[in-house]
Amino acid sequence: MTHLKISNIKIGDKVELVRQFSIEDVTQFSKLSGDINPVHLDEEYAKKTMFGQRIVHGALLTSMFSTIFANQLPGPGCIYLKSENKFLKPIYLEQQVLFQVEVENIIFDKKRVIFKTVAETNNQICIIGSAELYIPE
């Protein structure tokens, strides 16, 4: 696997990943994270909430940005320093989600790249945020 150098990254570079999350994914994430909120795990409970059905954990969803960073842009060896996310709409089980990261700024002297992060489903933005990564060379 080739390590991408910061000098090869350009403002506007963009990568997308499409994913959906099953009951098994949510259950496994709950076990690993310890987040047992019934809105993720209990259909009867979730039906009575403002969502009307089970939703995927926000932390599981935003971990897909880390997947993109580690494997595609900027690639192996990058260090995730900071992230900020705003959750606008819920994402439900088995719903197809488009995750996008786009380079917004590059701070060459500090070897840092600032990304815009977006997750959308049905052409609606569900999560919007930013991330800052360190790119060792």
N, C-alpha and C. Protein backbone atom coordinates (compact mmCIF):
# COMPACT_ATOMS: atom_id res chain seq x y z
N MET A 1 0.84 -1.17 0.00
CA MET A 1 0.00 0.00 0.00
C MET A 1 0.89 1.25 0.00
N THR A 2 0.63 2.15 -0.90
CA THR A 2 1.43 3.36 -1.05
C THR A 2 0.93 4.45 -0.11
N HIS A 3 1.86 5.12 0.54
CA HIS A 3 1.50 6.24 1.40
C HIS A 3 1.44 7.51 0.56
N LEU A 4 0.35 8.24 0.67
CA LEU A 4 0.17 9.47 -0.08
C LEU A 4 0.91 10.59 0.62
N LYS A 5 1.64 11.36 -0.12
CA LYS A 5 2.36 12.51 0.44
C LYS A 5 1.46 13.73 0.41
N ILE A 6 1.64 14.59 1.39
CA ILE A 6 0.82 15.80 1.47
C ILE A 6 0.99 16.65 0.22
N SER A 7 2.16 16.59 -0.38
CA SER A 7 2.42 17.38 -1.59
C SER A 7 1.57 16.92 -2.78
N ASN A 8 1.01 15.72 -2.71
CA ASN A 8 0.16 15.21 -3.79
C ASN A 8 -1.33 15.47 -3.55
N ILE A 9 -1.67 15.99 -2.38
CA ILE A 9 -3.07 16.27 -2.05
C ILE A 9 -3.41 17.67 -2.55
N LYS A 10 -4.60 17.81 -3.12
CA LYS A 10 -5.04 19.09 -3.66
C LYS A 10 -6.39 19.47 -3.05
N ILE A 11 -6.60 20.77 -2.87
CA ILE A 11 -7.90 21.25 -2.44
C ILE A 11 -8.93 20.82 -3.48
N GLY A 12 -10.03 20.27 -3.00
CA GLY A 12 -11.07 19.76 -3.89
C GLY A 12 -11.01 18.26 -4.11
N ASP A 13 -9.89 17.60 -3.72
CA ASP A 13 -9.82 16.14 -3.82
C ASP A 13 -10.97 15.56 -3.00
N LYS A 14 -11.62 14.54 -3.55
CA LYS A 14 -12.84 14.02 -2.93
C LYS A 14 -12.89 12.50 -3.07
N VAL A 15 -13.38 11.83 -2.03
CA VAL A 15 -13.58 10.39 -2.07
C VAL A 15 -14.95 10.09 -1.49
N GLU A 16 -15.61 9.06 -2.06
CA GLU A 16 -16.93 8.65 -1.60
C GLU A 16 -16.92 7.17 -1.24
N LEU A 17 -17.78 6.81 -0.32
CA LEU A 17 -17.97 5.43 0.10
C LEU A 17 -19.46 5.22 0.33
N VAL A 18 -20.01 4.14 -0.20
CA VAL A 18 -21.42 3.83 0.00
C VAL A 18 -21.50 2.61 0.92
N ARG A 19 -22.38 2.71 1.89
CA ARG A 19 -22.50 1.63 2.89
C ARG A 19 -23.90 1.62 3.46
N GLN A 20 -24.36 0.49 3.91
CA GLN A 20 -25.59 0.39 4.70
C GLN A 20 -25.29 -0.48 5.90
N PHE A 21 -26.12 -0.36 6.93
CA PHE A 21 -25.85 -1.02 8.20
C PHE A 21 -27.00 -1.95 8.58
N SER A 22 -26.65 -3.18 8.87
CA SER A 22 -27.63 -4.21 9.21
C SER A 22 -27.87 -4.25 10.72
N ILE A 23 -28.87 -5.03 11.10
CA ILE A 23 -29.12 -5.27 12.52
C ILE A 23 -27.85 -5.84 13.17
N GLU A 24 -27.18 -6.75 12.47
CA GLU A 24 -25.96 -7.37 13.00
C GLU A 24 -24.85 -6.34 13.21
N ASP A 25 -24.70 -5.40 12.25
CA ASP A 25 -23.70 -4.34 12.40
C ASP A 25 -23.95 -3.51 13.65
N VAL A 26 -25.21 -3.11 13.83
CA VAL A 26 -25.58 -2.26 14.97
C VAL A 26 -25.42 -3.02 16.28
N THR A 27 -25.80 -4.28 16.29
CA THR A 27 -25.66 -5.10 17.50
C THR A 27 -24.19 -5.28 17.86
N GLN A 28 -23.37 -5.57 16.87
CA GLN A 28 -21.93 -5.76 17.13
C GLN A 28 -21.30 -4.46 17.61
N PHE A 29 -21.65 -3.33 16.99
CA PHE A 29 -21.11 -2.04 17.42
C PHE A 29 -21.53 -1.75 18.85
N SER A 30 -22.76 -2.06 19.19
CA SER A 30 -23.25 -1.85 20.55
C SER A 30 -22.43 -2.64 21.56
N LYS A 31 -22.12 -3.89 21.22
CA LYS A 31 -21.32 -4.73 22.11
C LYS A 31 -19.90 -4.18 22.26
N LEU A 32 -19.31 -3.76 21.14
CA LEU A 32 -17.93 -3.24 21.18
C LEU A 32 -17.84 -1.91 21.91
N SER A 33 -18.81 -1.04 21.68
CA SER A 33 -18.75 0.31 22.24
C SER A 33 -19.35 0.41 23.64
N GLY A 34 -20.26 -0.51 23.96
CA GLY A 34 -20.97 -0.41 25.23
C GLY A 34 -22.20 0.49 25.16
N ASP A 35 -22.49 1.05 23.99
CA ASP A 35 -23.65 1.92 23.81
C ASP A 35 -24.88 1.05 23.60
N ILE A 36 -25.68 0.91 24.65
CA ILE A 36 -26.86 0.04 24.59
C ILE A 36 -28.17 0.84 24.56
N ASN A 37 -28.11 2.04 24.06
CA ASN A 37 -29.30 2.86 23.95
C ASN A 37 -30.38 2.08 23.18
N PRO A 38 -31.57 1.93 23.76
CA PRO A 38 -32.61 1.12 23.11
C PRO A 38 -33.09 1.69 21.78
N VAL A 39 -32.84 2.94 21.48
CA VAL A 39 -33.24 3.49 20.19
C VAL A 39 -32.48 2.80 19.05
N HIS A 40 -31.35 2.16 19.38
CA HIS A 40 -30.57 1.42 18.39
C HIS A 40 -30.90 -0.07 18.40
N LEU A 41 -31.35 -0.58 19.54
CA LEU A 41 -31.42 -2.03 19.73
C LEU A 41 -32.82 -2.62 19.89
N ASP A 42 -33.78 -1.82 20.29
CA ASP A 42 -35.11 -2.32 20.64
C ASP A 42 -36.16 -1.69 19.72
N GLU A 43 -36.67 -2.48 18.79
CA GLU A 43 -37.63 -1.97 17.80
C GLU A 43 -38.88 -1.41 18.47
N GLU A 44 -39.40 -2.08 19.47
CA GLU A 44 -40.62 -1.60 20.15
C GLU A 44 -40.37 -0.25 20.83
N TYR A 45 -39.24 -0.12 21.48
CA TYR A 45 -38.88 1.16 22.11
C TYR A 45 -38.74 2.23 21.03
N ALA A 46 -37.99 1.91 19.97
CA ALA A 46 -37.70 2.89 18.92
C ALA A 46 -38.97 3.38 18.23
N LYS A 47 -39.98 2.52 18.11
CA LYS A 47 -41.24 2.92 17.48
C LYS A 47 -41.91 4.06 18.23
N LYS A 48 -41.66 4.15 19.53
CA LYS A 48 -42.29 5.17 20.36
C LYS A 48 -41.50 6.48 20.41
N THR A 49 -40.36 6.50 19.76
CA THR A 49 -39.53 7.70 19.75
C THR A 49 -39.87 8.57 18.54
N MET A 50 -39.27 9.73 18.47
CA MET A 50 -39.48 10.64 17.34
C MET A 50 -38.99 10.04 16.02
N PHE A 51 -38.17 8.99 16.09
CA PHE A 51 -37.64 8.37 14.88
C PHE A 51 -38.59 7.33 14.29
N GLY A 52 -39.42 6.70 15.12
CA GLY A 52 -40.39 5.73 14.65
C GLY A 52 -39.85 4.35 14.37
N GLN A 53 -38.54 4.20 14.42
CA GLN A 53 -37.89 2.91 14.21
C GLN A 53 -36.44 3.00 14.67
N ARG A 54 -35.76 1.87 14.68
CA ARG A 54 -34.36 1.84 15.13
C ARG A 54 -33.48 2.68 14.21
N ILE A 55 -32.50 3.35 14.83
CA ILE A 55 -31.53 4.14 14.07
C ILE A 55 -30.13 3.60 14.31
N VAL A 56 -29.25 3.90 13.37
CA VAL A 56 -27.85 3.50 13.47
C VAL A 56 -27.13 4.47 14.41
N HIS A 57 -26.21 3.94 15.22
CA HIS A 57 -25.41 4.78 16.12
C HIS A 57 -24.67 5.86 15.32
N GLY A 58 -24.69 7.07 15.84
CA GLY A 58 -23.95 8.16 15.20
C GLY A 58 -22.46 7.88 15.14
N ALA A 59 -21.91 7.29 16.19
CA ALA A 59 -20.47 7.00 16.22
C ALA A 59 -20.09 5.94 15.18
N LEU A 60 -20.98 4.99 14.95
CA LEU A 60 -20.72 3.99 13.91
C LEU A 60 -20.72 4.66 12.54
N LEU A 61 -21.66 5.54 12.32
CA LEU A 61 -21.73 6.25 11.04
C LEU A 61 -20.48 7.10 10.80
N THR A 62 -20.09 7.89 11.79
CA THR A 62 -18.94 8.77 11.58
C THR A 62 -17.62 8.00 11.50
N SER A 63 -17.61 6.76 11.96
CA SER A 63 -16.39 5.96 11.82
C SER A 63 -16.08 5.66 10.36
N MET A 64 -17.07 5.81 9.48
CA MET A 64 -16.83 5.58 8.05
C MET A 64 -15.92 6.64 7.46
N PHE A 65 -15.90 7.82 8.06
CA PHE A 65 -14.95 8.84 7.61
C PHE A 65 -13.53 8.36 7.90
N SER A 66 -13.33 7.78 9.06
CA SER A 66 -12.03 7.22 9.41
C SER A 66 -11.62 6.12 8.43
N THR A 67 -12.59 5.31 8.02
CA THR A 67 -12.33 4.26 7.04
C THR A 67 -11.81 4.87 5.74
N ILE A 68 -12.45 5.93 5.28
CA ILE A 68 -12.01 6.60 4.05
C ILE A 68 -10.60 7.16 4.24
N PHE A 69 -10.37 7.85 5.37
CA PHE A 69 -9.06 8.46 5.60
C PHE A 69 -7.95 7.42 5.63
N ALA A 70 -8.17 6.33 6.33
CA ALA A 70 -7.13 5.31 6.51
C ALA A 70 -6.83 4.55 5.23
N ASN A 71 -7.85 4.37 4.38
CA ASN A 71 -7.68 3.49 3.23
C ASN A 71 -7.60 4.19 1.88
N GLN A 72 -8.10 5.43 1.79
CA GLN A 72 -8.15 6.07 0.47
C GLN A 72 -7.52 7.45 0.45
N LEU A 73 -8.07 8.38 1.19
CA LEU A 73 -7.56 9.75 1.16
C LEU A 73 -7.53 10.31 2.56
N PRO A 74 -6.39 10.58 3.11
CA PRO A 74 -5.07 10.61 2.50
C PRO A 74 -4.40 9.24 2.38
N GLY A 75 -4.83 8.25 3.17
CA GLY A 75 -4.28 6.91 3.06
C GLY A 75 -3.55 6.44 4.30
N PRO A 76 -2.95 5.26 4.21
CA PRO A 76 -2.28 4.65 5.37
C PRO A 76 -1.23 5.56 5.99
N GLY A 77 -1.22 5.58 7.32
CA GLY A 77 -0.24 6.37 8.06
C GLY A 77 -0.74 7.72 8.53
N CYS A 78 -1.89 8.17 8.01
CA CYS A 78 -2.42 9.46 8.44
C CYS A 78 -2.88 9.35 9.90
N ILE A 79 -2.88 10.48 10.58
CA ILE A 79 -3.30 10.55 11.98
C ILE A 79 -4.51 11.48 12.09
N TYR A 80 -5.60 10.93 12.62
CA TYR A 80 -6.85 11.67 12.77
C TYR A 80 -6.74 12.52 14.03
N LEU A 81 -6.68 13.83 13.89
CA LEU A 81 -6.47 14.73 15.02
C LEU A 81 -7.75 15.29 15.62
N LYS A 82 -8.72 15.61 14.76
CA LYS A 82 -9.90 16.31 15.26
C LYS A 82 -11.06 16.08 14.30
N SER A 83 -12.27 16.00 14.88
CA SER A 83 -13.46 15.95 14.05
C SER A 83 -14.60 16.66 14.75
N GLU A 84 -15.50 17.15 13.93
CA GLU A 84 -16.71 17.80 14.43
C GLU A 84 -17.84 17.36 13.51
N ASN A 85 -18.95 16.93 14.08
CA ASN A 85 -20.07 16.45 13.30
C ASN A 85 -21.38 17.03 13.81
N LYS A 86 -22.24 17.37 12.88
CA LYS A 86 -23.58 17.82 13.22
C LYS A 86 -24.55 16.80 12.60
N PHE A 87 -25.41 16.23 13.44
CA PHE A 87 -26.35 15.21 13.00
C PHE A 87 -27.68 15.90 12.67
N LEU A 88 -28.05 15.90 11.39
CA LEU A 88 -29.23 16.62 10.93
C LEU A 88 -30.45 15.73 10.78
N LYS A 89 -30.23 14.48 10.37
CA LYS A 89 -31.32 13.54 10.16
C LYS A 89 -30.85 12.15 10.58
N PRO A 90 -31.76 11.31 11.04
CA PRO A 90 -31.37 9.95 11.44
C PRO A 90 -31.08 9.08 10.21
N ILE A 91 -30.30 8.05 10.43
CA ILE A 91 -30.07 7.03 9.41
C ILE A 91 -30.56 5.72 10.00
N TYR A 92 -31.42 5.05 9.24
CA TYR A 92 -32.08 3.84 9.69
C TYR A 92 -31.34 2.59 9.21
N LEU A 93 -31.66 1.47 9.83
CA LEU A 93 -31.09 0.19 9.44
C LEU A 93 -31.37 -0.06 7.96
N GLU A 94 -30.39 -0.65 7.30
CA GLU A 94 -30.49 -1.05 5.88
C GLU A 94 -30.67 0.11 4.91
N GLN A 95 -30.51 1.33 5.38
CA GLN A 95 -30.62 2.49 4.50
C GLN A 95 -29.25 2.73 3.84
N GLN A 96 -29.23 2.92 2.54
CA GLN A 96 -27.97 3.17 1.85
C GLN A 96 -27.50 4.59 2.17
N VAL A 97 -26.21 4.68 2.54
CA VAL A 97 -25.63 5.96 2.95
C VAL A 97 -24.43 6.26 2.07
N LEU A 98 -24.36 7.49 1.58
CA LEU A 98 -23.21 7.96 0.81
C LEU A 98 -22.36 8.83 1.74
N PHE A 99 -21.13 8.38 2.00
CA PHE A 99 -20.18 9.13 2.82
C PHE A 99 -19.20 9.83 1.88
N GLN A 100 -18.93 11.10 2.15
CA GLN A 100 -18.02 11.88 1.30
C GLN A 100 -17.04 12.65 2.16
N VAL A 101 -15.80 12.67 1.73
CA VAL A 101 -14.81 13.56 2.33
C VAL A 101 -14.19 14.39 1.19
N GLU A 102 -13.96 15.66 1.49
CA GLU A 102 -13.39 16.56 0.48
C GLU A 102 -12.35 17.46 1.14
N VAL A 103 -11.22 17.60 0.50
CA VAL A 103 -10.15 18.46 1.01
C VAL A 103 -10.60 19.92 0.90
N GLU A 104 -10.60 20.61 2.04
CA GLU A 104 -10.97 22.03 2.07
C GLU A 104 -9.77 22.95 2.24
N ASN A 105 -8.75 22.46 2.96
CA ASN A 105 -7.58 23.30 3.22
C ASN A 105 -6.38 22.40 3.49
N ILE A 106 -5.22 22.90 3.15
CA ILE A 106 -3.97 22.19 3.41
C ILE A 106 -3.03 23.16 4.11
N ILE A 107 -2.50 22.72 5.25
CA ILE A 107 -1.54 23.54 6.00
C ILE A 107 -0.20 22.82 5.88
N PHE A 108 0.55 23.15 4.83
CA PHE A 108 1.76 22.40 4.49
C PHE A 108 2.81 22.43 5.59
N ASP A 109 3.02 23.60 6.23
CA ASP A 109 4.09 23.69 7.24
C ASP A 109 3.80 22.84 8.48
N LYS A 110 2.53 22.54 8.74
CA LYS A 110 2.17 21.69 9.88
C LYS A 110 1.78 20.28 9.45
N LYS A 111 1.85 20.01 8.13
CA LYS A 111 1.50 18.71 7.56
C LYS A 111 0.08 18.30 7.94
N ARG A 112 -0.85 19.25 7.82
CA ARG A 112 -2.24 19.00 8.18
C ARG A 112 -3.17 19.26 7.00
N VAL A 113 -4.22 18.46 6.95
CA VAL A 113 -5.23 18.61 5.91
C VAL A 113 -6.59 18.71 6.59
N ILE A 114 -7.40 19.68 6.15
CA ILE A 114 -8.73 19.88 6.69
C ILE A 114 -9.74 19.37 5.65
N PHE A 115 -10.65 18.53 6.11
CA PHE A 115 -11.65 17.92 5.24
C PHE A 115 -13.05 18.35 5.62
N LYS A 116 -13.91 18.47 4.64
CA LYS A 116 -15.35 18.56 4.85
C LYS A 116 -15.85 17.12 4.83
N THR A 117 -16.71 16.76 5.77
CA THR A 117 -17.27 15.41 5.82
C THR A 117 -18.79 15.50 5.72
N VAL A 118 -19.35 14.61 4.90
CA VAL A 118 -20.81 14.61 4.68
C VAL A 118 -21.29 13.17 4.57
N ALA A 119 -22.44 12.90 5.17
CA ALA A 119 -23.12 11.63 4.97
C ALA A 119 -24.54 11.96 4.54
N GLU A 120 -24.99 11.31 3.47
CA GLU A 120 -26.34 11.58 3.00
C GLU A 120 -27.04 10.30 2.60
N THR A 121 -28.35 10.35 2.64
CA THR A 121 -29.18 9.25 2.19
C THR A 121 -30.41 9.84 1.52
N ASN A 122 -30.84 9.21 0.46
CA ASN A 122 -31.99 9.72 -0.31
C ASN A 122 -31.79 11.18 -0.71
N ASN A 123 -30.55 11.53 -1.08
CA ASN A 123 -30.20 12.90 -1.48
C ASN A 123 -30.46 13.95 -0.40
N GLN A 124 -30.46 13.52 0.86
CA GLN A 124 -30.61 14.45 1.97
C GLN A 124 -29.39 14.33 2.87
N ILE A 125 -28.83 15.46 3.25
CA ILE A 125 -27.67 15.45 4.15
C ILE A 125 -28.13 15.06 5.54
N CYS A 126 -27.49 14.06 6.10
CA CYS A 126 -27.81 13.57 7.44
C CYS A 126 -26.75 13.98 8.46
N ILE A 127 -25.49 14.00 8.02
CA ILE A 127 -24.38 14.40 8.89
C ILE A 127 -23.50 15.34 8.08
N ILE A 128 -23.11 16.44 8.69
CA ILE A 128 -22.15 17.34 8.06
C ILE A 128 -21.11 17.71 9.11
N GLY A 129 -19.87 17.79 8.68
CA GLY A 129 -18.83 18.11 9.65
C GLY A 129 -17.49 18.40 9.00
N SER A 130 -16.47 18.30 9.84
CA SER A 130 -15.10 18.56 9.36
C SER A 130 -14.16 17.64 10.12
N ALA A 131 -12.99 17.45 9.53
CA ALA A 131 -11.96 16.63 10.17
C ALA A 131 -10.61 17.24 9.85
N GLU A 132 -9.68 17.08 10.79
CA GLU A 132 -8.30 17.53 10.60
C GLU A 132 -7.39 16.34 10.77
N LEU A 133 -6.52 16.14 9.78
CA LEU A 133 -5.60 15.01 9.81
C LEU A 133 -4.16 15.48 9.67
N TYR A 134 -3.27 14.77 10.31
CA TYR A 134 -1.84 14.97 10.20
C TYR A 134 -1.32 13.96 9.19
N ILE A 135 -0.48 14.43 8.26
CA ILE A 135 0.05 13.55 7.23
C ILE A 135 1.57 13.47 7.37
N PRO A 136 2.07 12.41 8.01
CA PRO A 136 3.52 12.28 8.12
C PRO A 136 4.11 11.91 6.76
N GLU A 137 5.31 12.39 6.49
CA GLU A 137 5.96 12.06 5.21
C GLU A 137 7.23 11.30 5.44
